[in-house]
């Protein structure tokens, strides 16, 4: 929860390590929750000016959510893609946007 708060407060230097630690031990059978945590990590990485790593994280999140419907994960996916858009000139970001923007 602390990591989510730091992400919303745009304090990525506090959020990123917490989220990475949580995700390193997160049960992958909880797909929806895993995708949500990945979305917060992607946003924190964007705020930390790490768009390439954010794109990798976003891609993982979007791949996880491809086959199931959840309004919350769909909202988070749209937010992450919107936040990545200003970095479209970077090949890693463009790749994710081209694949998942539809």
N, C-alpha and C. Protein backbone atom coordinates (compact mmCIF):
# COMPACT_ATOMS: atom_id res chain seq x y z
N UNK A 1 0.83 -1.19 0.00
CA UNK A 1 0.00 0.00 0.00
C UNK A 1 0.87 1.25 0.00
N UNK A 2 1.97 1.24 0.75
CA UNK A 2 2.86 2.40 0.78
C UNK A 2 3.35 2.74 -0.62
N UNK A 3 3.71 1.73 -1.38
CA UNK A 3 4.23 1.95 -2.73
C UNK A 3 3.17 2.63 -3.61
N UNK A 4 1.93 2.23 -3.49
CA UNK A 4 0.86 2.85 -4.26
C UNK A 4 0.72 4.32 -3.88
N UNK A 5 0.80 4.62 -2.60
CA UNK A 5 0.69 6.00 -2.14
C UNK A 5 1.85 6.82 -2.69
N UNK A 6 3.07 6.28 -2.60
CA UNK A 6 4.22 7.01 -3.14
C UNK A 6 4.08 7.22 -4.65
N UNK A 7 3.51 6.26 -5.34
CA UNK A 7 3.30 6.41 -6.79
C UNK A 7 2.32 7.54 -7.05
N UNK A 8 1.21 7.57 -6.33
CA UNK A 8 0.22 8.62 -6.51
C UNK A 8 0.76 10.00 -6.12
N UNK A 9 1.67 10.03 -5.16
CA UNK A 9 2.28 11.30 -4.75
C UNK A 9 3.44 11.69 -5.66
N UNK A 10 3.71 10.85 -6.66
CA UNK A 10 4.80 11.07 -7.63
C UNK A 10 6.15 11.14 -6.93
N UNK A 11 6.36 10.16 -6.07
CA UNK A 11 7.65 10.00 -5.37
C UNK A 11 8.25 8.66 -5.81
N UNK A 12 8.72 8.62 -7.07
CA UNK A 12 9.17 7.34 -7.62
C UNK A 12 10.38 6.74 -6.93
N UNK A 13 11.25 7.56 -6.37
CA UNK A 13 12.43 7.01 -5.71
C UNK A 13 12.06 6.20 -4.47
N UNK A 14 10.90 6.48 -3.92
CA UNK A 14 10.40 5.69 -2.80
C UNK A 14 9.53 4.52 -3.28
N UNK A 15 8.76 4.77 -4.34
CA UNK A 15 7.81 3.77 -4.82
C UNK A 15 8.50 2.60 -5.53
N UNK A 16 9.45 2.88 -6.40
CA UNK A 16 10.03 1.84 -7.25
C UNK A 16 10.64 0.70 -6.44
N UNK A 17 11.52 0.98 -5.46
CA UNK A 17 12.10 -0.15 -4.71
C UNK A 17 11.05 -0.98 -3.97
N UNK A 18 10.05 -0.32 -3.42
CA UNK A 18 8.99 -1.05 -2.71
C UNK A 18 8.21 -1.95 -3.67
N UNK A 19 7.86 -1.40 -4.82
CA UNK A 19 7.11 -2.19 -5.80
C UNK A 19 7.94 -3.34 -6.36
N UNK A 20 9.20 -3.09 -6.62
CA UNK A 20 10.06 -4.17 -7.12
C UNK A 20 10.18 -5.29 -6.09
N UNK A 21 10.26 -4.91 -4.84
CA UNK A 21 10.37 -5.93 -3.79
C UNK A 21 9.09 -6.74 -3.67
N UNK A 22 7.96 -6.06 -3.69
CA UNK A 22 6.67 -6.76 -3.63
C UNK A 22 6.51 -7.69 -4.82
N UNK A 23 6.83 -7.19 -6.00
CA UNK A 23 6.66 -8.00 -7.22
C UNK A 23 7.61 -9.18 -7.27
N UNK A 24 8.76 -9.08 -6.63
CA UNK A 24 9.72 -10.19 -6.65
C UNK A 24 9.21 -11.41 -5.91
N UNK A 25 8.25 -11.21 -5.03
CA UNK A 25 7.73 -12.35 -4.25
C UNK A 25 6.22 -12.52 -4.42
N UNK A 26 5.66 -11.86 -5.43
CA UNK A 26 4.21 -11.91 -5.60
C UNK A 26 3.77 -13.20 -6.26
N UNK A 27 2.70 -13.77 -5.79
CA UNK A 27 2.14 -15.00 -6.33
C UNK A 27 1.55 -14.73 -7.72
N UNK A 28 2.14 -15.33 -8.72
CA UNK A 28 1.73 -15.05 -10.10
C UNK A 28 0.36 -15.62 -10.45
N UNK A 29 -0.22 -16.42 -9.57
CA UNK A 29 -1.56 -16.94 -9.84
C UNK A 29 -2.64 -15.87 -9.61
N UNK A 30 -2.27 -14.78 -8.97
CA UNK A 30 -3.19 -13.66 -8.74
C UNK A 30 -2.98 -12.63 -9.85
N UNK A 31 -3.41 -12.98 -11.04
CA UNK A 31 -3.10 -12.22 -12.24
C UNK A 31 -3.58 -10.78 -12.17
N UNK A 32 -4.80 -10.56 -11.75
CA UNK A 32 -5.34 -9.20 -11.71
C UNK A 32 -4.52 -8.31 -10.78
N UNK A 33 -4.23 -8.80 -9.57
CA UNK A 33 -3.47 -8.00 -8.61
C UNK A 33 -2.04 -7.78 -9.10
N UNK A 34 -1.44 -8.81 -9.69
CA UNK A 34 -0.10 -8.67 -10.23
C UNK A 34 -0.07 -7.59 -11.32
N UNK A 35 -1.06 -7.61 -12.19
CA UNK A 35 -1.14 -6.61 -13.25
C UNK A 35 -1.30 -5.20 -12.67
N UNK A 36 -2.09 -5.06 -11.63
CA UNK A 36 -2.26 -3.74 -11.01
C UNK A 36 -0.95 -3.24 -10.42
N UNK A 37 -0.24 -4.11 -9.70
CA UNK A 37 1.05 -3.71 -9.14
C UNK A 37 2.05 -3.36 -10.24
N UNK A 38 2.03 -4.10 -11.33
CA UNK A 38 2.91 -3.77 -12.46
C UNK A 38 2.54 -2.41 -13.04
N UNK A 39 1.27 -2.08 -13.06
CA UNK A 39 0.87 -0.77 -13.59
C UNK A 39 1.39 0.36 -12.71
N UNK A 40 1.34 0.17 -11.40
CA UNK A 40 1.88 1.20 -10.50
C UNK A 40 3.40 1.32 -10.68
N UNK A 41 4.07 0.19 -10.87
CA UNK A 41 5.51 0.24 -11.11
C UNK A 41 5.80 0.97 -12.43
N UNK A 42 5.05 0.69 -13.47
CA UNK A 42 5.28 1.37 -14.75
C UNK A 42 5.11 2.88 -14.59
N UNK A 43 4.09 3.31 -13.90
CA UNK A 43 3.87 4.74 -13.69
C UNK A 43 5.01 5.35 -12.87
N UNK A 44 5.43 4.66 -11.83
CA UNK A 44 6.54 5.17 -11.01
C UNK A 44 7.82 5.27 -11.84
N UNK A 45 8.05 4.31 -12.71
CA UNK A 45 9.24 4.35 -13.57
C UNK A 45 9.16 5.51 -14.57
N UNK A 46 7.98 5.77 -15.08
CA UNK A 46 7.82 6.94 -15.96
C UNK A 46 8.14 8.21 -15.18
N UNK A 47 7.61 8.32 -13.98
CA UNK A 47 7.87 9.50 -13.15
C UNK A 47 9.35 9.61 -12.78
N UNK A 48 10.06 8.48 -12.76
CA UNK A 48 11.49 8.47 -12.46
C UNK A 48 12.32 8.71 -13.72
N UNK A 49 11.65 9.01 -14.82
CA UNK A 49 12.31 9.24 -16.11
C UNK A 49 13.06 7.99 -16.60
N UNK A 50 12.40 6.86 -16.47
CA UNK A 50 12.92 5.58 -16.95
C UNK A 50 11.91 4.97 -17.92
N UNK A 51 11.66 5.63 -19.05
CA UNK A 51 10.60 5.17 -19.94
C UNK A 51 10.86 3.80 -20.58
N UNK A 52 12.12 3.46 -20.82
CA UNK A 52 12.39 2.15 -21.42
C UNK A 52 12.01 1.02 -20.46
N UNK A 53 12.40 1.16 -19.20
CA UNK A 53 12.04 0.15 -18.20
C UNK A 53 10.53 0.16 -17.95
N UNK A 54 9.94 1.35 -17.97
CA UNK A 54 8.48 1.45 -17.82
C UNK A 54 7.78 0.72 -18.96
N UNK A 55 8.31 0.84 -20.16
CA UNK A 55 7.71 0.15 -21.31
C UNK A 55 7.78 -1.36 -21.14
N UNK A 56 8.89 -1.87 -20.66
CA UNK A 56 9.01 -3.32 -20.41
C UNK A 56 7.99 -3.77 -19.38
N UNK A 57 7.87 -3.00 -18.32
CA UNK A 57 6.92 -3.33 -17.26
C UNK A 57 5.49 -3.25 -17.78
N UNK A 58 5.20 -2.22 -18.54
CA UNK A 58 3.86 -2.07 -19.12
C UNK A 58 3.54 -3.23 -20.05
N UNK A 59 4.50 -3.64 -20.85
CA UNK A 59 4.28 -4.76 -21.76
C UNK A 59 3.92 -6.02 -20.98
N UNK A 60 4.65 -6.28 -19.91
CA UNK A 60 4.35 -7.45 -19.06
C UNK A 60 2.93 -7.35 -18.50
N UNK A 61 2.58 -6.17 -18.01
CA UNK A 61 1.24 -5.95 -17.44
C UNK A 61 0.17 -6.17 -18.50
N UNK A 62 0.37 -5.61 -19.66
CA UNK A 62 -0.62 -5.70 -20.73
C UNK A 62 -0.76 -7.12 -21.26
N UNK A 63 0.31 -7.85 -21.30
CA UNK A 63 0.24 -9.26 -21.72
C UNK A 63 -0.54 -10.09 -20.71
N UNK A 64 -0.35 -9.80 -19.43
CA UNK A 64 -1.08 -10.52 -18.38
C UNK A 64 -2.58 -10.31 -18.49
N UNK A 65 -2.98 -9.11 -18.88
CA UNK A 65 -4.40 -8.76 -18.86
C UNK A 65 -5.09 -8.98 -20.20
N UNK A 66 -4.37 -9.46 -21.17
CA UNK A 66 -4.91 -9.62 -22.51
C UNK A 66 -6.14 -10.52 -22.54
N UNK A 67 -6.16 -11.57 -21.76
CA UNK A 67 -7.20 -12.60 -21.87
C UNK A 67 -8.26 -12.56 -20.78
N UNK A 68 -8.32 -11.48 -20.00
CA UNK A 68 -9.41 -11.41 -19.03
C UNK A 68 -9.90 -9.97 -18.89
N UNK A 69 -11.15 -9.87 -18.55
CA UNK A 69 -11.79 -8.56 -18.46
C UNK A 69 -11.83 -8.08 -17.02
N UNK A 70 -11.28 -6.91 -16.80
CA UNK A 70 -11.36 -6.25 -15.51
C UNK A 70 -11.36 -4.76 -15.78
N UNK A 71 -12.38 -4.09 -15.35
CA UNK A 71 -12.47 -2.65 -15.60
C UNK A 71 -11.30 -1.92 -14.96
N UNK A 72 -10.92 -2.35 -13.78
CA UNK A 72 -9.82 -1.67 -13.09
C UNK A 72 -8.50 -1.82 -13.83
N UNK A 73 -8.18 -3.02 -14.29
CA UNK A 73 -6.94 -3.20 -15.03
C UNK A 73 -7.01 -2.50 -16.38
N UNK A 74 -8.19 -2.46 -16.98
CA UNK A 74 -8.34 -1.72 -18.24
C UNK A 74 -8.08 -0.23 -18.04
N UNK A 75 -8.59 0.31 -16.96
CA UNK A 75 -8.35 1.72 -16.64
C UNK A 75 -6.86 1.98 -16.44
N UNK A 76 -6.23 1.09 -15.68
CA UNK A 76 -4.79 1.26 -15.42
C UNK A 76 -3.99 1.13 -16.71
N UNK A 77 -4.39 0.22 -17.58
CA UNK A 77 -3.69 0.05 -18.86
C UNK A 77 -3.78 1.32 -19.68
N UNK A 78 -4.96 1.91 -19.74
CA UNK A 78 -5.13 3.16 -20.50
C UNK A 78 -4.26 4.28 -19.91
N UNK A 79 -4.21 4.35 -18.59
CA UNK A 79 -3.38 5.36 -17.93
C UNK A 79 -1.91 5.18 -18.27
N UNK A 80 -1.44 3.94 -18.16
CA UNK A 80 -0.03 3.66 -18.44
C UNK A 80 0.31 4.01 -19.89
N UNK A 81 -0.53 3.59 -20.82
CA UNK A 81 -0.27 3.89 -22.23
C UNK A 81 -0.28 5.39 -22.50
N UNK A 82 -1.16 6.11 -21.85
CA UNK A 82 -1.21 7.56 -22.00
C UNK A 82 0.06 8.20 -21.47
N UNK A 83 0.54 7.72 -20.34
CA UNK A 83 1.76 8.27 -19.75
C UNK A 83 3.00 7.92 -20.57
N UNK A 84 2.96 6.82 -21.29
CA UNK A 84 4.09 6.44 -22.14
C UNK A 84 4.12 7.25 -23.45
N UNK A 85 3.00 7.73 -23.88
CA UNK A 85 2.89 8.40 -25.19
C UNK A 85 3.95 9.48 -25.44
N UNK A 86 4.27 10.34 -24.47
CA UNK A 86 5.28 11.37 -24.74
C UNK A 86 6.68 10.80 -25.08
N UNK A 87 6.89 9.52 -24.81
CA UNK A 87 8.19 8.88 -25.05
C UNK A 87 8.16 8.00 -26.30
N UNK A 88 7.17 8.21 -27.15
CA UNK A 88 6.98 7.38 -28.35
C UNK A 88 8.22 7.32 -29.24
N UNK A 89 9.06 8.31 -29.21
CA UNK A 89 10.26 8.33 -30.06
C UNK A 89 11.26 7.24 -29.66
N UNK A 90 11.16 6.73 -28.46
CA UNK A 90 12.06 5.65 -28.03
C UNK A 90 11.56 4.32 -28.59
N UNK A 91 12.43 3.54 -29.20
CA UNK A 91 11.98 2.29 -29.84
C UNK A 91 11.24 1.34 -28.89
N UNK A 92 11.70 1.22 -27.65
CA UNK A 92 11.05 0.31 -26.69
C UNK A 92 9.62 0.76 -26.40
N UNK A 93 9.46 2.05 -26.27
CA UNK A 93 8.14 2.60 -25.97
C UNK A 93 7.23 2.48 -27.20
N UNK A 94 7.75 2.85 -28.35
CA UNK A 94 6.96 2.77 -29.59
C UNK A 94 6.47 1.35 -29.81
N UNK A 95 7.34 0.36 -29.56
CA UNK A 95 6.96 -1.04 -29.73
C UNK A 95 5.75 -1.39 -28.86
N UNK A 96 5.79 -1.02 -27.59
CA UNK A 96 4.68 -1.31 -26.68
C UNK A 96 3.42 -0.57 -27.10
N UNK A 97 3.55 0.68 -27.46
CA UNK A 97 2.39 1.46 -27.88
C UNK A 97 1.78 0.90 -29.15
N UNK A 98 2.61 0.51 -30.09
CA UNK A 98 2.09 -0.04 -31.35
C UNK A 98 1.35 -1.37 -31.13
N UNK A 99 1.86 -2.19 -30.25
CA UNK A 99 1.25 -3.49 -29.99
C UNK A 99 -0.04 -3.36 -29.21
N UNK A 100 -0.04 -2.49 -28.20
CA UNK A 100 -1.13 -2.48 -27.22
C UNK A 100 -2.09 -1.30 -27.34
N UNK A 101 -1.80 -0.34 -28.17
CA UNK A 101 -2.67 0.84 -28.25
C UNK A 101 -4.05 0.52 -28.79
N UNK A 102 -4.16 -0.51 -29.57
CA UNK A 102 -5.47 -0.89 -30.11
C UNK A 102 -6.31 -1.44 -29.01
